[in-house]
Amino acid sequence: MGIIDDHDAKFIRRMVSYAKRLQNREFYKQMDDLVSVGLRRYQDKFSINQENSSIV
């Protein structure tokens, strides 16, 4: 039994792999675009309800 179990080791390997991929300019741009689109959709969907709310 080690300090890091199999689930944690797989998680770490995925994170290292993702970090390496982010070094690729095109992959980074695609991830940035995906996050931007997601944030805009979230804002469009939920900002209308907050504008009409009395909660601060």
C-alpha atoms as a PDB file:
ATOM      1  CA  MET A   1       0.000   0.000   0.000  1.00  0.00           C
ATOM      2  CA  GLY A   2       1.532   3.262  -1.149  1.00  0.00           C
ATOM      3  CA  ILE A   3       0.865   6.836  -0.243  1.00  0.00           C
ATOM      4  CA  ILE A   4      -0.854   7.421  -3.586  1.00  0.00           C
ATOM      5  CA  ASP A   5      -3.533   4.928  -4.579  1.00  0.00           C
ATOM      6  CA  ASP A   6      -4.215   3.908  -8.182  1.00  0.00           C
ATOM      7  CA  HIS A   7      -7.022   6.453  -8.635  1.00  0.00           C
ATOM      8  CA  ASP A   8      -4.774   9.313  -7.510  1.00  0.00           C
ATOM      9  CA  ALA A   9      -1.906   8.129  -9.722  1.00  0.00           C
ATOM     10  CA  LYS A  10      -4.194   8.087 -12.769  1.00  0.00           C
ATOM     11  CA  PHE A  11      -5.434  11.574 -11.899  1.00  0.00           C
ATOM     12  CA  ILE A  12      -1.867  12.854 -11.675  1.00  0.00           C
ATOM     13  CA  ARG A  13      -0.960  11.254 -15.025  1.00  0.00           C
ATOM     14  CA  ARG A  14      -3.998  12.915 -16.668  1.00  0.00           C
ATOM     15  CA  MET A  15      -3.064  16.297 -15.212  1.00  0.00           C
ATOM     16  CA  VAL A  16       0.551  15.991 -16.401  1.00  0.00           C
ATOM     17  CA  SER A  17      -0.665  14.962 -19.857  1.00  0.00           C
ATOM     18  CA  TYR A  18      -3.067  17.927 -19.977  1.00  0.00           C
ATOM     19  CA  ALA A  19      -0.321  20.330 -18.856  1.00  0.00           C
ATOM     20  CA  LYS A  20       1.942  19.056 -21.641  1.00  0.00           C
ATOM     21  CA  ARG A  21      -0.821  19.484 -24.198  1.00  0.00           C
ATOM     22  CA  LEU A  22      -1.414  23.060 -23.051  1.00  0.00           C
ATOM     23  CA  GLN A  23       2.127  23.853 -24.186  1.00  0.00           C
ATOM     24  CA  ASN A  24       0.909  23.334 -27.766  1.00  0.00           C
ATOM     25  CA  ARG A  25      -0.289  26.721 -29.000  1.00  0.00           C
ATOM     26  CA  GLU A  26      -3.209  25.359 -31.078  1.00  0.00           C
ATOM     27  CA  PHE A  27      -4.478  23.121 -28.259  1.00  0.00           C
ATOM     28  CA  TYR A  28      -4.220  26.030 -25.803  1.00  0.00           C
ATOM     29  CA  LYS A  29      -6.189  28.269 -28.178  1.00  0.00           C
ATOM     30  CA  GLN A  30      -8.920  25.639 -28.557  1.00  0.00           C
ATOM     31  CA  MET A  31      -9.218  25.226 -24.766  1.00  0.00           C
ATOM     32  CA  ASP A  32      -9.309  28.999 -24.318  1.00  0.00           C
ATOM     33  CA  ASP A  33     -12.069  29.274 -26.934  1.00  0.00           C
ATOM     34  CA  LEU A  34     -14.091  26.510 -25.248  1.00  0.00           C
ATOM     35  CA  VAL A  35     -13.865  28.200 -21.861  1.00  0.00           C
ATOM     36  CA  SER A  36     -14.804  31.581 -23.357  1.00  0.00           C
ATOM     37  CA  VAL A  37     -17.866  30.129 -25.089  1.00  0.00           C
ATOM     38  CA  GLY A  38     -18.913  28.333 -21.905  1.00  0.00           C
ATOM     39  CA  LEU A  39     -18.585  31.479 -19.808  1.00  0.00           C
ATOM     40  CA  ARG A  40     -20.574  33.541 -22.326  1.00  0.00           C
ATOM     41  CA  ARG A  41     -23.346  30.935 -22.434  1.00  0.00           C
ATOM     42  CA  TYR A  42     -23.444  30.821 -18.628  1.00  0.00           C
ATOM     43  CA  GLN A  43     -23.622  34.613 -18.431  1.00  0.00           C
ATOM     44  CA  ASP A  44     -26.342  34.793 -21.100  1.00  0.00           C
ATOM     45  CA  LYS A  45     -28.394  32.137 -19.358  1.00  0.00           C
ATOM     46  CA  PHE A  46     -28.166  33.384 -15.781  1.00  0.00           C
ATOM     47  CA  SER A  47     -27.524  37.149 -15.913  1.00  0.00           C
ATOM     48  CA  ILE A  48     -31.133  37.940 -16.913  1.00  0.00           C
ATOM     49  CA  ASN A  49     -32.476  36.284 -13.767  1.00  0.00           C
ATOM     50  CA  GLN A  50     -30.017  38.167 -11.557  1.00  0.00           C
ATOM     51  CA  GLU A  51     -30.887  41.565 -13.035  1.00  0.00           C
ATOM     52  CA  ASN A  52     -34.536  41.136 -12.020  1.00  0.00           C
ATOM     53  CA  SER A  53     -33.704  39.743  -8.580  1.00  0.00           C
ATOM     54  CA  SER A  54     -33.859  41.753  -5.365  1.00  0.00           C
ATOM     55  CA  ILE A  55     -31.018  39.670  -3.914  1.00  0.00           C
ATOM     56  CA  VAL A  56     -27.707  41.546  -3.849  1.00  0.00           C
END
